[in-house]
Amino acid sequence: MRRYARRETPAVATVLYAGMELGRPALVVWIDGHRSEYGRDLLDGFEAED
């Protein structure tokens, strides 16, 4: 996303648009349903799940 948007932390709308453009609909659905988690994880860092 950083390369696509050319920003360190692009706006949510930009990430949703880029996700669809890049063929990542699951990303778009998750962010749309978990906006507060997404925002918090931008600040705290994301943790991969197994």
N, C-alpha and C. Protein backbone atom coordinates (compact mmCIF):
# COMPACT_ATOMS: atom_id res chain seq x y z
N MET A 1 0.81 -1.18 0.00
CA MET A 1 0.00 0.00 0.00
C MET A 1 0.86 1.25 0.00
N ARG A 2 1.94 1.21 0.72
CA ARG A 2 2.79 2.40 0.78
C ARG A 2 3.31 2.76 -0.61
N ARG A 3 3.73 1.75 -1.38
CA ARG A 3 4.21 2.01 -2.73
C ARG A 3 3.09 2.50 -3.63
N TYR A 4 1.91 1.90 -3.50
CA TYR A 4 0.78 2.26 -4.34
C TYR A 4 0.32 3.68 -4.05
N ALA A 5 0.16 4.02 -2.81
CA ALA A 5 -0.37 5.33 -2.42
C ALA A 5 0.73 6.39 -2.31
N ARG A 6 1.98 5.93 -2.27
CA ARG A 6 3.12 6.83 -2.12
C ARG A 6 3.04 7.67 -0.85
N ARG A 7 2.53 7.05 0.19
CA ARG A 7 2.45 7.68 1.51
C ARG A 7 2.73 6.64 2.57
N GLU A 8 3.18 7.10 3.71
CA GLU A 8 3.45 6.19 4.81
C GLU A 8 2.16 5.60 5.37
N THR A 9 1.18 6.43 5.63
CA THR A 9 -0.11 5.95 6.13
C THR A 9 -1.23 6.62 5.33
N PRO A 10 -1.61 6.00 4.21
CA PRO A 10 -2.67 6.59 3.39
C PRO A 10 -4.03 6.56 4.09
N ALA A 11 -4.93 7.42 3.64
CA ALA A 11 -6.28 7.47 4.19
C ALA A 11 -6.99 6.14 3.93
N VAL A 12 -7.95 5.83 4.78
CA VAL A 12 -8.68 4.57 4.66
C VAL A 12 -9.31 4.44 3.28
N ALA A 13 -9.90 5.51 2.78
CA ALA A 13 -10.53 5.46 1.46
C ALA A 13 -9.51 5.10 0.38
N THR A 14 -8.29 5.61 0.50
CA THR A 14 -7.24 5.29 -0.46
C THR A 14 -6.86 3.82 -0.38
N VAL A 15 -6.77 3.30 0.82
CA VAL A 15 -6.42 1.89 1.01
C VAL A 15 -7.53 0.99 0.44
N LEU A 16 -8.79 1.35 0.68
CA LEU A 16 -9.89 0.56 0.14
C LEU A 16 -9.87 0.57 -1.39
N TYR A 17 -9.66 1.72 -1.98
CA TYR A 17 -9.59 1.83 -3.43
C TYR A 17 -8.42 1.01 -3.97
N ALA A 18 -7.25 1.18 -3.36
CA ALA A 18 -6.07 0.45 -3.81
C ALA A 18 -6.26 -1.05 -3.66
N GLY A 19 -6.90 -1.47 -2.59
CA GLY A 19 -7.15 -2.90 -2.39
C GLY A 19 -7.96 -3.50 -3.53
N MET A 20 -8.97 -2.78 -3.98
CA MET A 20 -9.78 -3.26 -5.10
C MET A 20 -8.97 -3.23 -6.40
N GLU A 21 -8.23 -2.17 -6.61
CA GLU A 21 -7.41 -2.05 -7.82
C GLU A 21 -6.34 -3.14 -7.90
N LEU A 22 -5.81 -3.53 -6.75
CA LEU A 22 -4.75 -4.54 -6.71
C LEU A 22 -5.30 -5.96 -6.59
N GLY A 23 -6.61 -6.11 -6.62
CA GLY A 23 -7.21 -7.44 -6.57
C GLY A 23 -7.18 -8.07 -5.19
N ARG A 24 -7.36 -7.27 -4.16
CA ARG A 24 -7.36 -7.75 -2.77
C ARG A 24 -8.70 -7.47 -2.10
N PRO A 25 -9.78 -8.07 -2.59
CA PRO A 25 -11.10 -7.78 -2.02
C PRO A 25 -11.23 -8.19 -0.56
N ALA A 26 -10.53 -9.22 -0.13
CA ALA A 26 -10.61 -9.64 1.27
C ALA A 26 -10.05 -8.55 2.18
N LEU A 27 -9.01 -7.87 1.73
CA LEU A 27 -8.45 -6.75 2.49
C LEU A 27 -9.50 -5.65 2.64
N VAL A 28 -10.17 -5.33 1.55
CA VAL A 28 -11.19 -4.27 1.56
C VAL A 28 -12.33 -4.63 2.51
N VAL A 29 -12.79 -5.85 2.46
CA VAL A 29 -13.88 -6.30 3.34
C VAL A 29 -13.45 -6.23 4.79
N TRP A 30 -12.24 -6.69 5.10
CA TRP A 30 -11.78 -6.68 6.49
C TRP A 30 -11.67 -5.25 7.01
N ILE A 31 -11.00 -4.39 6.26
CA ILE A 31 -10.84 -3.00 6.72
C ILE A 31 -12.18 -2.33 6.89
N ASP A 32 -13.09 -2.53 5.94
CA ASP A 32 -14.40 -1.90 6.02
C ASP A 32 -15.16 -2.34 7.26
N GLY A 33 -14.97 -3.57 7.68
CA GLY A 33 -15.66 -4.09 8.86
C GLY A 33 -14.92 -3.88 10.17
N HIS A 34 -13.66 -3.45 10.09
CA HIS A 34 -12.82 -3.31 11.29
C HIS A 34 -12.03 -2.01 11.25
N ARG A 35 -12.69 -0.92 10.96
CA ARG A 35 -11.97 0.36 10.81
C ARG A 35 -11.23 0.78 12.07
N SER A 36 -11.83 0.60 13.24
CA SER A 36 -11.14 1.01 14.46
C SER A 36 -9.91 0.15 14.72
N GLU A 37 -10.02 -1.16 14.46
CA GLU A 37 -8.85 -2.04 14.61
C GLU A 37 -7.76 -1.65 13.63
N TYR A 38 -8.16 -1.36 12.40
CA TYR A 38 -7.19 -0.97 11.37
C TYR A 38 -6.44 0.29 11.81
N GLY A 39 -7.18 1.29 12.27
CA GLY A 39 -6.55 2.53 12.73
C GLY A 39 -5.61 2.31 13.90
N ARG A 40 -6.04 1.48 14.85
CA ARG A 40 -5.19 1.19 16.01
C ARG A 40 -3.94 0.44 15.58
N ASP A 41 -4.10 -0.52 14.66
CA ASP A 41 -2.96 -1.30 14.21
C ASP A 41 -1.98 -0.47 13.39
N LEU A 42 -2.47 0.57 12.71
CA LEU A 42 -1.54 1.47 12.02
C LEU A 42 -0.61 2.13 13.02
N LEU A 43 -1.14 2.48 14.17
CA LEU A 43 -0.33 3.14 15.19
C LEU A 43 0.55 2.17 15.96
N ASP A 44 -0.02 1.01 16.31
CA ASP A 44 0.69 0.05 17.16
C ASP A 44 1.48 -1.00 16.39
N GLY A 45 1.15 -1.18 15.13
CA GLY A 45 1.79 -2.22 14.32
C GLY A 45 0.88 -3.42 14.20
N PHE A 46 0.93 -4.05 13.07
CA PHE A 46 0.10 -5.23 12.81
C PHE A 46 0.82 -6.49 13.28
N GLU A 47 0.05 -7.46 13.71
CA GLU A 47 0.61 -8.73 14.14
C GLU A 47 0.01 -9.82 13.28
N ALA A 48 0.87 -10.62 12.68
CA ALA A 48 0.42 -11.71 11.80
C ALA A 48 -0.26 -12.80 12.62
N GLU A 49 -1.29 -13.38 12.04
CA GLU A 49 -1.96 -14.52 12.65
C GLU A 49 -1.54 -15.79 11.95
N ASP A 50 -1.54 -16.89 12.67
CA ASP A 50 -1.20 -18.19 12.06
C ASP A 50 -2.38 -18.76 11.34
